[in-house]
Amino acid sequence: MSQTPKTPPKPAPKQPEFKFRTKPVAERSIWESWAVLPAKTRLRISLAITTVAAIGIWASDKLEEAIPAPKDAAKTPQSPSPNAA
């Protein structure tokens, strides 16, 4: 009878420790504060910002269709000629 040697169980992988997690809130940069937020919260904030931007683009297109820009607005202003006094 042979017994197999018991191997010690592998420890669970640790989450990386970030130095900014231990900083006081007043000393964190915006990026550090963002990184400390839970992933689900960061995802929801990002989706909300993206949704607002998409709605703004859509509304801008609809307003441009409803209220077209005047023809004169497309022209660039001409610089005065060098001979003008």
N, C-alpha and C. Protein backbone atom coordinates (compact mmCIF):
# COMPACT_ATOMS: atom_id res chain seq x y z
N MET A 1 0.83 -1.18 0.00
CA MET A 1 0.00 0.00 0.00
C MET A 1 0.87 1.24 0.00
N SER A 2 0.61 2.04 -0.96
CA SER A 2 1.35 3.29 -1.00
C SER A 2 0.39 4.45 -0.76
N GLN A 3 0.86 5.35 -0.02
CA GLN A 3 0.04 6.53 0.27
C GLN A 3 0.56 7.69 -0.56
N THR A 4 -0.38 8.45 -1.09
CA THR A 4 0.03 9.63 -1.85
C THR A 4 0.32 10.75 -0.87
N PRO A 5 1.38 11.49 -1.14
CA PRO A 5 1.70 12.59 -0.23
C PRO A 5 0.63 13.68 -0.33
N LYS A 6 0.27 14.20 0.79
CA LYS A 6 -0.73 15.28 0.82
C LYS A 6 -0.06 16.60 0.48
N THR A 7 -0.64 17.28 -0.47
CA THR A 7 -0.12 18.60 -0.82
C THR A 7 -0.97 19.64 -0.08
N PRO A 8 -0.33 20.66 0.39
CA PRO A 8 -1.10 21.69 1.10
C PRO A 8 -2.04 22.39 0.11
N PRO A 9 -3.23 22.76 0.57
CA PRO A 9 -4.16 23.46 -0.33
C PRO A 9 -3.59 24.81 -0.74
N LYS A 10 -3.85 25.15 -1.99
CA LYS A 10 -3.38 26.44 -2.49
C LYS A 10 -4.26 27.55 -1.92
N PRO A 11 -3.64 28.62 -1.46
CA PRO A 11 -4.47 29.72 -0.95
C PRO A 11 -5.21 30.41 -2.10
N ALA A 12 -6.35 30.94 -1.77
CA ALA A 12 -7.13 31.66 -2.77
C ALA A 12 -6.35 32.90 -3.22
N PRO A 13 -6.44 33.24 -4.51
CA PRO A 13 -5.71 34.42 -4.96
C PRO A 13 -6.23 35.68 -4.27
N LYS A 14 -5.31 36.46 -3.79
CA LYS A 14 -5.67 37.70 -3.10
C LYS A 14 -5.96 38.80 -4.09
N GLN A 15 -6.85 39.69 -3.70
CA GLN A 15 -7.08 40.88 -4.49
C GLN A 15 -5.85 41.77 -4.36
N PRO A 16 -5.42 42.40 -5.43
CA PRO A 16 -4.26 43.28 -5.30
C PRO A 16 -4.56 44.43 -4.35
N GLU A 17 -3.62 44.72 -3.52
CA GLU A 17 -3.78 45.82 -2.57
C GLU A 17 -3.29 47.11 -3.23
N PHE A 18 -4.15 48.07 -3.31
CA PHE A 18 -3.79 49.35 -3.89
C PHE A 18 -3.54 50.34 -2.76
N LYS A 19 -2.51 51.12 -2.91
CA LYS A 19 -2.17 52.08 -1.87
C LYS A 19 -3.26 53.13 -1.67
N PHE A 20 -3.96 53.48 -2.76
CA PHE A 20 -4.95 54.55 -2.63
C PHE A 20 -6.19 54.08 -1.88
N ARG A 21 -6.35 52.79 -1.68
CA ARG A 21 -7.49 52.32 -0.88
C ARG A 21 -7.32 52.69 0.59
N THR A 22 -6.08 52.89 1.00
CA THR A 22 -5.83 53.22 2.40
C THR A 22 -5.67 54.72 2.63
N LYS A 23 -5.65 55.49 1.55
CA LYS A 23 -5.52 56.95 1.69
C LYS A 23 -6.82 57.54 2.22
N PRO A 24 -6.72 58.62 2.97
CA PRO A 24 -7.95 59.33 3.35
C PRO A 24 -8.62 59.91 2.09
N VAL A 25 -9.92 60.04 2.13
CA VAL A 25 -10.67 60.50 0.97
C VAL A 25 -10.19 61.87 0.50
N ALA A 26 -9.87 62.75 1.41
CA ALA A 26 -9.45 64.11 1.05
C ALA A 26 -8.14 64.12 0.27
N GLU A 27 -7.34 63.07 0.39
CA GLU A 27 -6.04 63.04 -0.29
C GLU A 27 -6.07 62.28 -1.61
N ARG A 28 -7.20 61.70 -1.98
CA ARG A 28 -7.29 60.93 -3.22
C ARG A 28 -7.51 61.84 -4.41
N SER A 29 -6.96 61.41 -5.56
CA SER A 29 -7.26 62.09 -6.81
C SER A 29 -8.61 61.58 -7.33
N ILE A 30 -9.10 62.18 -8.38
CA ILE A 30 -10.37 61.74 -8.95
C ILE A 30 -10.24 60.30 -9.44
N TRP A 31 -9.13 59.98 -10.10
CA TRP A 31 -8.91 58.63 -10.61
C TRP A 31 -8.90 57.61 -9.46
N GLU A 32 -8.23 57.95 -8.37
CA GLU A 32 -8.18 57.03 -7.23
C GLU A 32 -9.56 56.83 -6.62
N SER A 33 -10.33 57.90 -6.53
CA SER A 33 -11.69 57.78 -6.01
C SER A 33 -12.56 56.93 -6.93
N TRP A 34 -12.37 57.09 -8.24
CA TRP A 34 -13.12 56.30 -9.22
C TRP A 34 -12.75 54.82 -9.09
N ALA A 35 -11.46 54.53 -8.93
CA ALA A 35 -11.00 53.15 -8.87
C ALA A 35 -11.47 52.44 -7.61
N VAL A 36 -11.73 53.18 -6.56
CA VAL A 36 -12.17 52.59 -5.30
C VAL A 36 -13.65 52.18 -5.37
N LEU A 37 -14.42 52.80 -6.25
CA LEU A 37 -15.84 52.46 -6.36
C LEU A 37 -16.00 51.00 -6.79
N PRO A 38 -17.05 50.34 -6.36
CA PRO A 38 -17.30 48.97 -6.81
C PRO A 38 -17.52 48.93 -8.32
N ALA A 39 -17.16 47.82 -8.94
CA ALA A 39 -17.24 47.69 -10.40
C ALA A 39 -18.66 47.91 -10.91
N LYS A 40 -19.65 47.43 -10.18
CA LYS A 40 -21.05 47.59 -10.60
C LYS A 40 -21.45 49.07 -10.62
N THR A 41 -20.98 49.83 -9.64
CA THR A 41 -21.27 51.26 -9.58
C THR A 41 -20.59 52.00 -10.73
N ARG A 42 -19.32 51.67 -10.99
CA ARG A 42 -18.61 52.31 -12.11
C ARG A 42 -19.31 52.01 -13.43
N LEU A 43 -19.78 50.78 -13.61
CA LEU A 43 -20.49 50.41 -14.83
C LEU A 43 -21.77 51.21 -14.97
N ARG A 44 -22.53 51.33 -13.90
CA ARG A 44 -23.80 52.08 -13.97
C ARG A 44 -23.56 53.56 -14.28
N ILE A 45 -22.55 54.15 -13.68
CA ILE A 45 -22.24 55.55 -13.95
C ILE A 45 -21.82 55.72 -15.41
N SER A 46 -20.97 54.83 -15.90
CA SER A 46 -20.52 54.92 -17.30
C SER A 46 -21.68 54.75 -18.27
N LEU A 47 -22.57 53.81 -17.99
CA LEU A 47 -23.73 53.61 -18.86
C LEU A 47 -24.66 54.82 -18.83
N ALA A 48 -24.82 55.43 -17.67
CA ALA A 48 -25.67 56.61 -17.57
C ALA A 48 -25.10 57.77 -18.38
N ILE A 49 -23.79 57.99 -18.29
CA ILE A 49 -23.16 59.07 -19.05
C ILE A 49 -23.28 58.80 -20.54
N THR A 50 -23.05 57.55 -20.96
CA THR A 50 -23.15 57.19 -22.37
C THR A 50 -24.58 57.37 -22.88
N THR A 51 -25.56 57.01 -22.06
CA THR A 51 -26.97 57.17 -22.45
C THR A 51 -27.33 58.64 -22.63
N VAL A 52 -26.90 59.46 -21.71
CA VAL A 52 -27.18 60.90 -21.81
C VAL A 52 -26.53 61.48 -23.07
N ALA A 53 -25.30 61.06 -23.38
CA ALA A 53 -24.62 61.54 -24.58
C ALA A 53 -25.36 61.09 -25.84
N ALA A 54 -25.80 59.84 -25.88
CA ALA A 54 -26.53 59.33 -27.05
C ALA A 54 -27.85 60.06 -27.23
N ILE A 55 -28.57 60.31 -26.14
CA ILE A 55 -29.83 61.06 -26.23
C ILE A 55 -29.56 62.48 -26.72
N GLY A 56 -28.48 63.09 -26.27
CA GLY A 56 -28.13 64.44 -26.73
C GLY A 56 -27.84 64.48 -28.23
N ILE A 57 -27.13 63.50 -28.72
CA ILE A 57 -26.85 63.44 -30.16
C ILE A 57 -28.14 63.23 -30.94
N TRP A 58 -28.99 62.32 -30.47
CA TRP A 58 -30.26 62.06 -31.14
C TRP A 58 -31.14 63.32 -31.14
N ALA A 59 -31.24 63.99 -30.00
CA ALA A 59 -32.07 65.20 -29.91
C ALA A 59 -31.52 66.30 -30.80
N SER A 60 -30.21 66.42 -30.87
CA SER A 60 -29.61 67.43 -31.73
C SER A 60 -29.95 67.19 -33.20
N ASP A 61 -29.89 65.92 -33.62
CA ASP A 61 -30.25 65.59 -34.99
C ASP A 61 -31.73 65.90 -35.27
N LYS A 62 -32.61 65.57 -34.34
CA LYS A 62 -34.04 65.84 -34.52
C LYS A 62 -34.33 67.34 -34.56
N LEU A 63 -33.64 68.11 -33.71
CA LEU A 63 -33.83 69.56 -33.73
C LEU A 63 -33.32 70.16 -35.04
N GLU A 64 -32.23 69.63 -35.56
CA GLU A 64 -31.69 70.15 -36.82
C GLU A 64 -32.65 69.85 -37.97
N GLU A 65 -33.33 68.70 -37.91
CA GLU A 65 -34.33 68.40 -38.94
C GLU A 65 -35.54 69.33 -38.81
N ALA A 66 -35.96 69.61 -37.59
CA ALA A 66 -37.15 70.44 -37.37
C ALA A 66 -36.85 71.91 -37.61
N ILE A 67 -35.69 72.38 -37.21
CA ILE A 67 -35.32 73.79 -37.34
C ILE A 67 -33.99 73.85 -38.09
N PRO A 68 -34.03 73.90 -39.41
CA PRO A 68 -32.77 73.91 -40.16
C PRO A 68 -31.99 75.19 -39.91
N ALA A 69 -30.70 75.08 -40.04
CA ALA A 69 -29.83 76.24 -39.84
C ALA A 69 -30.01 77.21 -41.01
N PRO A 70 -29.91 78.53 -40.74
CA PRO A 70 -30.03 79.49 -41.83
C PRO A 70 -28.89 79.30 -42.84
N LYS A 71 -29.16 79.65 -44.08
CA LYS A 71 -28.17 79.48 -45.15
C LYS A 71 -26.94 80.34 -44.91
N ASP A 72 -27.11 81.54 -44.33
CA ASP A 72 -25.98 82.45 -44.11
C ASP A 72 -25.01 81.92 -43.05
N ALA A 73 -25.47 81.08 -42.17
CA ALA A 73 -24.62 80.58 -41.10
C ALA A 73 -23.53 79.65 -41.63
N ALA A 74 -23.76 79.06 -42.81
CA ALA A 74 -22.79 78.13 -43.36
C ALA A 74 -21.59 78.85 -43.97
N LYS A 75 -21.75 80.13 -44.31
CA LYS A 75 -20.65 80.89 -44.92
C LYS A 75 -19.64 81.30 -43.85
N THR A 76 -18.39 81.28 -44.23
CA THR A 76 -17.35 81.75 -43.32
C THR A 76 -17.18 83.24 -43.51
N PRO A 77 -16.88 83.96 -42.45
CA PRO A 77 -16.70 85.41 -42.60
C PRO A 77 -15.46 85.67 -43.45
N GLN A 78 -15.59 86.66 -44.34
CA GLN A 78 -14.47 87.01 -45.22
C GLN A 78 -13.60 88.04 -44.54
N SER A 79 -12.30 87.87 -44.72
CA SER A 79 -11.39 88.84 -44.13
C SER A 79 -11.38 90.09 -45.00
N PRO A 80 -11.15 91.25 -44.44
CA PRO A 80 -11.14 92.47 -45.23
C PRO A 80 -9.97 92.43 -46.21
N SER A 81 -10.18 93.03 -47.35
CA SER A 81 -9.12 93.03 -48.36
C SER A 81 -7.98 93.96 -47.92
N PRO A 82 -6.76 93.69 -48.34
CA PRO A 82 -5.64 94.54 -47.90
C PRO A 82 -5.74 95.96 -48.48
N ASN A 83 -6.48 96.17 -49.57
CA ASN A 83 -6.57 97.50 -50.18
C ASN A 83 -7.60 98.38 -49.48
N ALA A 84 -8.46 97.80 -48.65
CA ALA A 84 -9.50 98.60 -47.98
C ALA A 84 -8.84 99.51 -46.96
N ALA A 85 -9.34 100.73 -46.90
CA ALA A 85 -8.74 101.70 -46.00
C ALA A 85 -9.50 101.87 -44.75
